[in-house]
Amino acid sequence: MTKLLFVAVGAAAGFAYYHFIGCSTGTCPISSNPYISTMYGGLMGFTLGMVKED
C-alpha cells in the first residue's frame, strides 16, 4: 500500500513538473510530454518506495 502511495505522489509530482516548469520548445524529452513526465515521476516514486521497504 505504501509503494502505491509513493507511485501516486511521484506521478503527481511528474505532472506538476510538466505543467509548471515544462519545456515549451519540445526539445526536452521528459518534460515536454505530460505522459512521459507523469510516468517518469511514477517510476521515481516507485524507486523511492522500494528503498523505504519495511
N, C-alpha and C. Protein backbone atom coordinates (compact mmCIF):
# COMPACT_ATOMS: atom_id res chain seq x y z
N MET A 1 0.82 -1.20 0.00
CA MET A 1 0.00 0.00 0.00
C MET A 1 0.87 1.26 0.00
N THR A 2 1.96 1.23 0.76
CA THR A 2 2.84 2.38 0.82
C THR A 2 3.52 2.63 -0.53
N LYS A 3 3.88 1.56 -1.23
CA LYS A 3 4.53 1.72 -2.53
C LYS A 3 3.60 2.39 -3.53
N LEU A 4 2.32 2.04 -3.45
CA LEU A 4 1.34 2.66 -4.35
C LEU A 4 1.22 4.15 -4.06
N LEU A 5 1.30 4.51 -2.81
CA LEU A 5 1.26 5.92 -2.44
C LEU A 5 2.47 6.66 -3.00
N PHE A 6 3.64 6.06 -2.90
CA PHE A 6 4.85 6.66 -3.45
C PHE A 6 4.72 6.85 -4.96
N VAL A 7 4.18 5.86 -5.65
CA VAL A 7 4.00 5.95 -7.10
C VAL A 7 3.02 7.08 -7.44
N ALA A 8 1.91 7.16 -6.70
CA ALA A 8 0.91 8.20 -6.97
C ALA A 8 1.47 9.60 -6.73
N VAL A 9 2.21 9.76 -5.64
CA VAL A 9 2.80 11.07 -5.36
C VAL A 9 3.87 11.41 -6.40
N GLY A 10 4.66 10.42 -6.79
CA GLY A 10 5.67 10.65 -7.82
C GLY A 10 5.05 11.03 -9.16
N ALA A 11 3.96 10.35 -9.52
CA ALA A 11 3.28 10.67 -10.78
C ALA A 11 2.69 12.08 -10.74
N ALA A 12 2.11 12.43 -9.61
CA ALA A 12 1.56 13.79 -9.46
C ALA A 12 2.68 14.83 -9.54
N ALA A 13 3.81 14.53 -8.93
CA ALA A 13 4.94 15.46 -9.00
C ALA A 13 5.48 15.57 -10.42
N GLY A 14 5.50 14.46 -11.15
CA GLY A 14 5.94 14.49 -12.53
C GLY A 14 5.03 15.33 -13.40
N PHE A 15 3.73 15.19 -13.20
CA PHE A 15 2.80 16.01 -13.97
C PHE A 15 2.90 17.47 -13.58
N ALA A 16 3.07 17.74 -12.27
CA ALA A 16 3.22 19.13 -11.82
C ALA A 16 4.48 19.75 -12.42
N TYR A 17 5.54 18.97 -12.53
CA TYR A 17 6.76 19.48 -13.15
C TYR A 17 6.50 19.85 -14.60
N TYR A 18 5.79 18.99 -15.32
CA TYR A 18 5.45 19.29 -16.71
C TYR A 18 4.60 20.56 -16.79
N HIS A 19 3.62 20.66 -15.93
CA HIS A 19 2.66 21.76 -16.00
C HIS A 19 3.28 23.11 -15.62
N PHE A 20 4.04 23.14 -14.55
CA PHE A 20 4.54 24.42 -14.05
C PHE A 20 5.92 24.81 -14.60
N ILE A 21 6.77 23.84 -14.88
CA ILE A 21 8.11 24.15 -15.36
C ILE A 21 8.22 23.80 -16.84
N GLY A 22 8.02 22.53 -17.16
CA GLY A 22 7.94 22.05 -18.53
C GLY A 22 8.98 22.58 -19.51
N CYS A 23 8.76 22.26 -20.75
CA CYS A 23 9.65 22.67 -21.83
C CYS A 23 8.77 23.09 -23.00
N SER A 24 8.71 24.37 -23.24
CA SER A 24 7.80 24.87 -24.28
C SER A 24 8.29 24.63 -25.70
N THR A 25 9.59 24.39 -25.88
CA THR A 25 10.12 24.21 -27.23
C THR A 25 9.92 22.80 -27.76
N GLY A 26 9.71 21.84 -26.87
CA GLY A 26 9.52 20.46 -27.30
C GLY A 26 10.82 19.70 -27.48
N THR A 27 11.94 20.30 -27.12
CA THR A 27 13.22 19.62 -27.29
C THR A 27 13.64 18.81 -26.07
N CYS A 28 12.95 18.98 -24.96
CA CYS A 28 13.27 18.24 -23.74
C CYS A 28 12.49 16.92 -23.76
N PRO A 29 13.16 15.79 -23.78
CA PRO A 29 12.46 14.52 -23.97
C PRO A 29 11.51 14.15 -22.83
N ILE A 30 11.80 14.56 -21.60
CA ILE A 30 10.95 14.17 -20.48
C ILE A 30 9.90 15.23 -20.19
N SER A 31 10.30 16.46 -20.06
CA SER A 31 9.38 17.49 -19.59
C SER A 31 8.52 18.13 -20.68
N SER A 32 8.66 17.73 -21.93
CA SER A 32 7.82 18.33 -22.97
C SER A 32 6.55 17.52 -23.22
N ASN A 33 6.45 16.32 -22.67
CA ASN A 33 5.30 15.45 -22.89
C ASN A 33 4.69 15.10 -21.52
N PRO A 34 3.39 15.40 -21.31
CA PRO A 34 2.81 15.14 -19.99
C PRO A 34 2.77 13.65 -19.63
N TYR A 35 2.59 12.78 -20.61
CA TYR A 35 2.53 11.35 -20.33
C TYR A 35 3.89 10.81 -19.88
N ILE A 36 4.92 11.20 -20.58
CA ILE A 36 6.27 10.73 -20.23
C ILE A 36 6.69 11.31 -18.88
N SER A 37 6.40 12.57 -18.66
CA SER A 37 6.74 13.21 -17.40
C SER A 37 6.03 12.54 -16.22
N THR A 38 4.76 12.21 -16.40
CA THR A 38 3.99 11.55 -15.35
C THR A 38 4.51 10.14 -15.10
N MET A 39 4.80 9.40 -16.16
CA MET A 39 5.34 8.05 -15.98
C MET A 39 6.72 8.08 -15.34
N TYR A 40 7.54 9.03 -15.71
CA TYR A 40 8.87 9.15 -15.12
C TYR A 40 8.76 9.46 -13.63
N GLY A 41 7.86 10.36 -13.28
CA GLY A 41 7.64 10.68 -11.87
C GLY A 41 7.15 9.46 -11.10
N GLY A 42 6.24 8.69 -11.70
CA GLY A 42 5.77 7.47 -11.06
C GLY A 42 6.88 6.45 -10.87
N LEU A 43 7.76 6.35 -11.85
CA LEU A 43 8.90 5.45 -11.74
C LEU A 43 9.84 5.88 -10.63
N MET A 44 10.07 7.18 -10.51
CA MET A 44 10.91 7.68 -9.42
C MET A 44 10.25 7.43 -8.07
N GLY A 45 8.93 7.60 -8.00
CA GLY A 45 8.21 7.30 -6.76
C GLY A 45 8.29 5.83 -6.41
N PHE A 46 8.19 4.97 -7.41
CA PHE A 46 8.32 3.53 -7.19
C PHE A 46 9.70 3.18 -6.66
N THR A 47 10.72 3.82 -7.23
CA THR A 47 12.09 3.59 -6.79
C THR A 47 12.26 4.01 -5.33
N LEU A 48 11.74 5.17 -4.99
CA LEU A 48 11.83 5.61 -3.59
C LEU A 48 11.02 4.71 -2.67
N GLY A 49 9.89 4.21 -3.16
CA GLY A 49 9.09 3.28 -2.36
C GLY A 49 9.81 1.98 -2.09
N MET A 50 10.63 1.54 -3.03
CA MET A 50 11.39 0.30 -2.83
C MET A 50 12.49 0.51 -1.80
N VAL A 51 13.05 1.70 -1.73
CA VAL A 51 14.11 1.99 -0.77
C VAL A 51 13.53 2.03 0.64
N LYS A 52 12.30 2.53 0.79
CA LYS A 52 11.68 2.67 2.10
C LYS A 52 11.07 1.36 2.59
N GLU A 53 11.27 0.29 1.89
CA GLU A 53 10.68 -1.00 2.21
C GLU A 53 10.94 -1.40 3.66
N ASP A 54 9.88 -1.85 4.34
CA ASP A 54 9.98 -2.24 5.76
C ASP A 54 10.46 -3.65 5.92
